[in-house]
N, C-alpha and C. Protein backbone atom coordinates (compact mmCIF):
# COMPACT_ATOMS: atom_id res chain seq x y z
N MET A 1 0.81 -1.20 0.00
CA MET A 1 0.00 0.00 0.00
C MET A 1 0.86 1.26 0.00
N ARG A 2 2.02 1.19 0.64
CA ARG A 2 2.90 2.36 0.65
C ARG A 2 3.32 2.75 -0.75
N ARG A 3 3.62 1.75 -1.58
CA ARG A 3 4.04 2.04 -2.96
C ARG A 3 2.90 2.65 -3.77
N VAL A 4 1.70 2.13 -3.56
CA VAL A 4 0.53 2.68 -4.26
C VAL A 4 0.29 4.12 -3.82
N ASN A 5 0.33 4.36 -2.52
CA ASN A 5 0.13 5.72 -2.01
C ASN A 5 1.17 6.68 -2.56
N GLU A 6 2.41 6.26 -2.60
CA GLU A 6 3.48 7.12 -3.11
C GLU A 6 3.32 7.37 -4.61
N ALA A 7 2.94 6.35 -5.36
CA ALA A 7 2.74 6.51 -6.81
C ALA A 7 1.59 7.48 -7.09
N VAL A 8 0.50 7.34 -6.35
CA VAL A 8 -0.64 8.25 -6.52
C VAL A 8 -0.23 9.67 -6.14
N ARG A 9 0.53 9.82 -5.06
CA ARG A 9 0.99 11.15 -4.65
C ARG A 9 1.84 11.80 -5.71
N GLU A 10 2.73 11.03 -6.33
CA GLU A 10 3.60 11.58 -7.37
C GLU A 10 2.80 12.02 -8.59
N VAL A 11 1.84 11.22 -9.00
CA VAL A 11 1.01 11.58 -10.17
C VAL A 11 0.22 12.85 -9.87
N LEU A 12 -0.39 12.91 -8.70
CA LEU A 12 -1.18 14.09 -8.35
C LEU A 12 -0.31 15.33 -8.24
N SER A 13 0.86 15.19 -7.62
CA SER A 13 1.76 16.34 -7.48
C SER A 13 2.17 16.89 -8.83
N SER A 14 2.54 16.00 -9.75
CA SER A 14 2.97 16.47 -11.06
C SER A 14 1.82 17.09 -11.83
N ARG A 15 0.63 16.50 -11.75
CA ARG A 15 -0.52 17.04 -12.49
C ARG A 15 -0.96 18.38 -11.92
N ILE A 16 -0.95 18.53 -10.60
CA ILE A 16 -1.34 19.80 -9.99
C ILE A 16 -0.29 20.87 -10.29
N SER A 17 0.98 20.51 -10.28
CA SER A 17 2.04 21.49 -10.55
C SER A 17 2.02 21.98 -11.99
N GLU A 18 1.50 21.15 -12.92
CA GLU A 18 1.37 21.59 -14.30
C GLU A 18 0.36 22.72 -14.43
N GLY A 19 -0.57 22.77 -13.52
CA GLY A 19 -1.53 23.86 -13.48
C GLY A 19 -2.87 23.50 -14.09
N PHE A 20 -3.87 24.21 -13.66
CA PHE A 20 -5.22 24.08 -14.16
C PHE A 20 -5.68 25.44 -14.64
N ASN A 21 -6.77 25.46 -15.36
CA ASN A 21 -7.35 26.73 -15.77
C ASN A 21 -8.21 27.34 -14.68
N ASP A 22 -8.36 26.64 -13.57
CA ASP A 22 -9.18 27.10 -12.46
C ASP A 22 -8.39 28.10 -11.62
N PRO A 23 -8.83 29.36 -11.56
CA PRO A 23 -8.08 30.36 -10.79
C PRO A 23 -8.17 30.15 -9.28
N ARG A 24 -9.08 29.29 -8.82
CA ARG A 24 -9.21 29.04 -7.38
C ARG A 24 -8.03 28.26 -6.83
N ILE A 25 -7.39 27.46 -7.68
CA ILE A 25 -6.32 26.59 -7.21
C ILE A 25 -5.02 27.39 -7.15
N GLY A 26 -4.53 27.58 -5.94
CA GLY A 26 -3.30 28.33 -5.74
C GLY A 26 -2.10 27.41 -5.64
N PHE A 27 -1.15 27.79 -4.79
CA PHE A 27 0.06 26.99 -4.61
C PHE A 27 -0.26 25.84 -3.67
N VAL A 28 -0.21 24.62 -4.20
CA VAL A 28 -0.61 23.43 -3.46
C VAL A 28 0.54 22.43 -3.42
N THR A 29 0.72 21.80 -2.27
CA THR A 29 1.68 20.71 -2.13
C THR A 29 0.93 19.48 -1.63
N VAL A 30 1.07 18.38 -2.33
CA VAL A 30 0.46 17.13 -1.88
C VAL A 30 1.41 16.51 -0.88
N THR A 31 0.98 16.43 0.39
CA THR A 31 1.87 15.94 1.44
C THR A 31 1.76 14.44 1.65
N ALA A 32 0.57 13.87 1.47
CA ALA A 32 0.39 12.44 1.68
C ALA A 32 -0.88 11.97 1.00
N VAL A 33 -0.93 10.67 0.74
CA VAL A 33 -2.11 10.02 0.19
C VAL A 33 -2.35 8.76 1.00
N GLU A 34 -3.59 8.56 1.42
CA GLU A 34 -3.98 7.34 2.14
C GLU A 34 -5.04 6.64 1.30
N THR A 35 -4.68 5.50 0.75
CA THR A 35 -5.60 4.74 -0.09
C THR A 35 -6.20 3.60 0.72
N SER A 36 -7.50 3.38 0.53
CA SER A 36 -8.15 2.27 1.23
C SER A 36 -7.63 0.95 0.67
N PRO A 37 -7.69 -0.12 1.45
CA PRO A 37 -7.16 -1.42 1.00
C PRO A 37 -7.82 -1.96 -0.28
N ASP A 38 -9.08 -1.59 -0.52
CA ASP A 38 -9.74 -2.06 -1.74
C ASP A 38 -9.53 -1.12 -2.93
N LEU A 39 -8.74 -0.07 -2.76
CA LEU A 39 -8.39 0.91 -3.79
C LEU A 39 -9.59 1.67 -4.35
N ARG A 40 -10.66 1.76 -3.59
CA ARG A 40 -11.84 2.50 -4.05
C ARG A 40 -11.81 3.97 -3.62
N HIS A 41 -11.13 4.27 -2.54
CA HIS A 41 -11.10 5.63 -2.02
C HIS A 41 -9.67 6.02 -1.68
N ALA A 42 -9.37 7.30 -1.87
CA ALA A 42 -8.06 7.83 -1.49
C ALA A 42 -8.26 9.21 -0.87
N ARG A 43 -7.72 9.39 0.31
CA ARG A 43 -7.73 10.70 0.95
C ARG A 43 -6.40 11.36 0.64
N VAL A 44 -6.47 12.52 0.03
CA VAL A 44 -5.29 13.27 -0.38
C VAL A 44 -5.11 14.44 0.57
N HIS A 45 -3.99 14.45 1.27
CA HIS A 45 -3.67 15.53 2.21
C HIS A 45 -2.84 16.57 1.47
N VAL A 46 -3.31 17.82 1.52
CA VAL A 46 -2.62 18.89 0.81
C VAL A 46 -2.30 20.03 1.76
N SER A 47 -1.24 20.73 1.44
CA SER A 47 -0.86 21.93 2.15
C SER A 47 -1.02 23.08 1.16
N VAL A 48 -1.63 24.18 1.62
CA VAL A 48 -1.92 25.31 0.75
C VAL A 48 -1.23 26.55 1.31
N LEU A 49 -0.56 27.27 0.42
CA LEU A 49 0.09 28.51 0.82
C LEU A 49 -0.95 29.62 0.85
N GLY A 50 -1.09 30.28 1.98
CA GLY A 50 -2.05 31.36 2.10
C GLY A 50 -2.90 31.21 3.33
N GLY A 51 -3.90 32.08 3.42
CA GLY A 51 -4.77 32.08 4.59
C GLY A 51 -5.94 31.12 4.46
N THR A 52 -6.86 31.27 5.39
CA THR A 52 -8.02 30.39 5.45
C THR A 52 -8.88 30.49 4.20
N GLU A 53 -9.07 31.71 3.71
CA GLU A 53 -9.90 31.92 2.52
C GLU A 53 -9.29 31.24 1.30
N GLU A 54 -7.98 31.41 1.11
CA GLU A 54 -7.31 30.76 -0.02
C GLU A 54 -7.35 29.25 0.11
N ARG A 55 -7.22 28.74 1.33
CA ARG A 55 -7.27 27.31 1.56
C ARG A 55 -8.63 26.75 1.14
N GLU A 56 -9.70 27.41 1.54
CA GLU A 56 -11.04 26.93 1.19
C GLU A 56 -11.29 27.00 -0.31
N ARG A 57 -10.83 28.08 -0.95
CA ARG A 57 -10.99 28.19 -2.41
C ARG A 57 -10.22 27.11 -3.13
N THR A 58 -9.00 26.86 -2.69
CA THR A 58 -8.18 25.84 -3.33
C THR A 58 -8.78 24.45 -3.16
N LEU A 59 -9.25 24.13 -1.96
CA LEU A 59 -9.88 22.83 -1.74
C LEU A 59 -11.14 22.67 -2.60
N ALA A 60 -11.91 23.76 -2.76
CA ALA A 60 -13.09 23.70 -3.63
C ALA A 60 -12.68 23.48 -5.08
N GLY A 61 -11.60 24.14 -5.51
CA GLY A 61 -11.10 23.95 -6.88
C GLY A 61 -10.59 22.54 -7.11
N LEU A 62 -9.92 21.98 -6.13
CA LEU A 62 -9.43 20.60 -6.25
C LEU A 62 -10.59 19.61 -6.28
N ASP A 63 -11.60 19.86 -5.47
CA ASP A 63 -12.78 18.99 -5.50
C ASP A 63 -13.44 19.04 -6.87
N ALA A 64 -13.48 20.22 -7.48
CA ALA A 64 -14.08 20.35 -8.80
C ALA A 64 -13.23 19.65 -9.87
N ALA A 65 -11.93 19.59 -9.66
CA ALA A 65 -11.02 19.00 -10.65
C ALA A 65 -10.72 17.53 -10.37
N HIS A 66 -11.42 16.91 -9.43
CA HIS A 66 -11.07 15.54 -9.06
C HIS A 66 -11.24 14.56 -10.22
N GLY A 67 -12.15 14.82 -11.13
CA GLY A 67 -12.33 13.94 -12.29
C GLY A 67 -11.10 13.93 -13.19
N LEU A 68 -10.55 15.11 -13.45
CA LEU A 68 -9.33 15.20 -14.26
C LEU A 68 -8.15 14.52 -13.59
N LEU A 69 -8.08 14.67 -12.28
CA LEU A 69 -6.99 14.05 -11.54
C LEU A 69 -7.13 12.53 -11.52
N GLN A 70 -8.36 12.03 -11.40
CA GLN A 70 -8.58 10.59 -11.45
C GLN A 70 -8.22 10.03 -12.82
N GLN A 71 -8.53 10.79 -13.88
CA GLN A 71 -8.14 10.36 -15.22
C GLN A 71 -6.62 10.25 -15.35
N ALA A 72 -5.92 11.21 -14.77
CA ALA A 72 -4.45 11.18 -14.83
C ALA A 72 -3.91 9.96 -14.09
N ILE A 73 -4.51 9.63 -12.95
CA ILE A 73 -4.08 8.44 -12.21
C ILE A 73 -4.34 7.19 -13.03
N ALA A 74 -5.52 7.09 -13.62
CA ALA A 74 -5.87 5.91 -14.42
C ALA A 74 -4.95 5.76 -15.62
N ARG A 75 -4.62 6.87 -16.26
CA ARG A 75 -3.78 6.84 -17.45
C ARG A 75 -2.34 6.45 -17.12
N GLU A 76 -1.80 6.99 -16.04
CA GLU A 76 -0.38 6.78 -15.74
C GLU A 76 -0.10 5.51 -14.94
N LEU A 77 -1.02 5.12 -14.07
CA LEU A 77 -0.73 3.98 -13.19
C LEU A 77 -1.37 2.68 -13.65
N ARG A 78 -2.39 2.77 -14.48
CA ARG A 78 -3.06 1.57 -15.00
C ARG A 78 -3.44 0.60 -13.90
N MET A 79 -4.14 1.13 -12.92
CA MET A 79 -4.59 0.32 -11.79
C MET A 79 -5.89 -0.39 -12.15
N LYS A 80 -6.18 -1.45 -11.44
CA LYS A 80 -7.43 -2.17 -11.66
C LYS A 80 -8.61 -1.26 -11.37
N ARG A 81 -8.53 -0.53 -10.28
CA ARG A 81 -9.54 0.46 -9.91
C ARG A 81 -8.85 1.79 -9.68
N THR A 82 -9.51 2.85 -10.11
CA THR A 82 -9.00 4.18 -9.84
C THR A 82 -9.75 4.72 -8.62
N PRO A 83 -9.04 5.09 -7.57
CA PRO A 83 -9.72 5.52 -6.35
C PRO A 83 -10.44 6.86 -6.52
N THR A 84 -11.54 6.99 -5.80
CA THR A 84 -12.25 8.26 -5.71
C THR A 84 -11.46 9.16 -4.76
N LEU A 85 -11.16 10.37 -5.20
CA LEU A 85 -10.30 11.26 -4.44
C LEU A 85 -11.10 12.17 -3.51
N THR A 86 -10.61 12.30 -2.29
CA THR A 86 -11.16 13.23 -1.31
C THR A 86 -10.00 14.07 -0.81
N PHE A 87 -10.13 15.38 -0.87
CA PHE A 87 -9.04 16.27 -0.48
C PHE A 87 -9.29 16.80 0.93
N SER A 88 -8.21 16.84 1.72
CA SER A 88 -8.29 17.41 3.06
C SER A 88 -7.02 18.23 3.33
N TYR A 89 -7.19 19.24 4.15
CA TYR A 89 -6.07 20.12 4.47
C TYR A 89 -5.18 19.47 5.52
N ASP A 90 -3.87 19.49 5.27
CA ASP A 90 -2.89 18.93 6.19
C ASP A 90 -2.35 20.04 7.07
N GLU A 91 -2.67 19.98 8.34
CA GLU A 91 -2.28 21.02 9.28
C GLU A 91 -0.90 20.80 9.89
N SER A 92 -0.22 19.73 9.53
CA SER A 92 1.04 19.39 10.18
C SER A 92 2.12 20.44 9.94
N ILE A 93 2.18 21.02 8.76
CA ILE A 93 3.21 22.04 8.48
C ILE A 93 2.93 23.29 9.30
N GLU A 94 1.67 23.69 9.33
CA GLU A 94 1.28 24.86 10.12
C GLU A 94 1.57 24.64 11.60
N ARG A 95 1.26 23.44 12.09
CA ARG A 95 1.50 23.10 13.49
C ARG A 95 3.00 23.10 13.79
N GLY A 96 3.80 22.57 12.87
CA GLY A 96 5.25 22.55 13.04
C GLY A 96 5.85 23.95 13.09
N MET A 97 5.33 24.83 12.25
CA MET A 97 5.82 26.22 12.26
C MET A 97 5.47 26.90 13.59
N ARG A 98 4.29 26.61 14.10
CA ARG A 98 3.86 27.20 15.38
C ARG A 98 4.74 26.69 16.53
N ILE A 99 5.05 25.42 16.52
CA ILE A 99 5.93 24.85 17.56
C ILE A 99 7.32 25.47 17.45
N SER A 100 7.81 25.65 16.24
CA SER A 100 9.13 26.25 16.05
C SER A 100 9.15 27.69 16.58
N GLU A 101 8.07 28.44 16.34
CA GLU A 101 7.98 29.81 16.87
C GLU A 101 8.00 29.80 18.39
N LEU A 102 7.27 28.87 19.00
CA LEU A 102 7.23 28.79 20.46
C LEU A 102 8.60 28.43 21.04
N LEU A 103 9.31 27.54 20.36
CA LEU A 103 10.64 27.16 20.84
C LEU A 103 11.64 28.32 20.71
N ASP A 104 11.48 29.14 19.68
CA ASP A 104 12.36 30.29 19.50
C ASP A 104 12.17 31.32 20.60
N GLU A 105 10.95 31.40 21.12
CA GLU A 105 10.69 32.38 22.20
C GLU A 105 11.38 31.91 23.46
């Protein structure tokens, strides 16, 4: 499963970095992918540069583009099933920055 998760993460990262015509999608980093054992669902954890408003707009844009992203996964990985993508915000980077600020004080 680790290899599948990493392969899906790489495909999504490259496809998102190529850009979309959707202006809602800002600077996004795919931090992790968790695929269910039956390969029907995948939770994609993303980090977004910007504030809360930009984060919500970007997540809405990614949700709207999930069909294109699933096509890219199907085309490049040739899996038996292409997982349905669900995007969620990864707070670990933000949390790490906050801890670093507290340690500096």
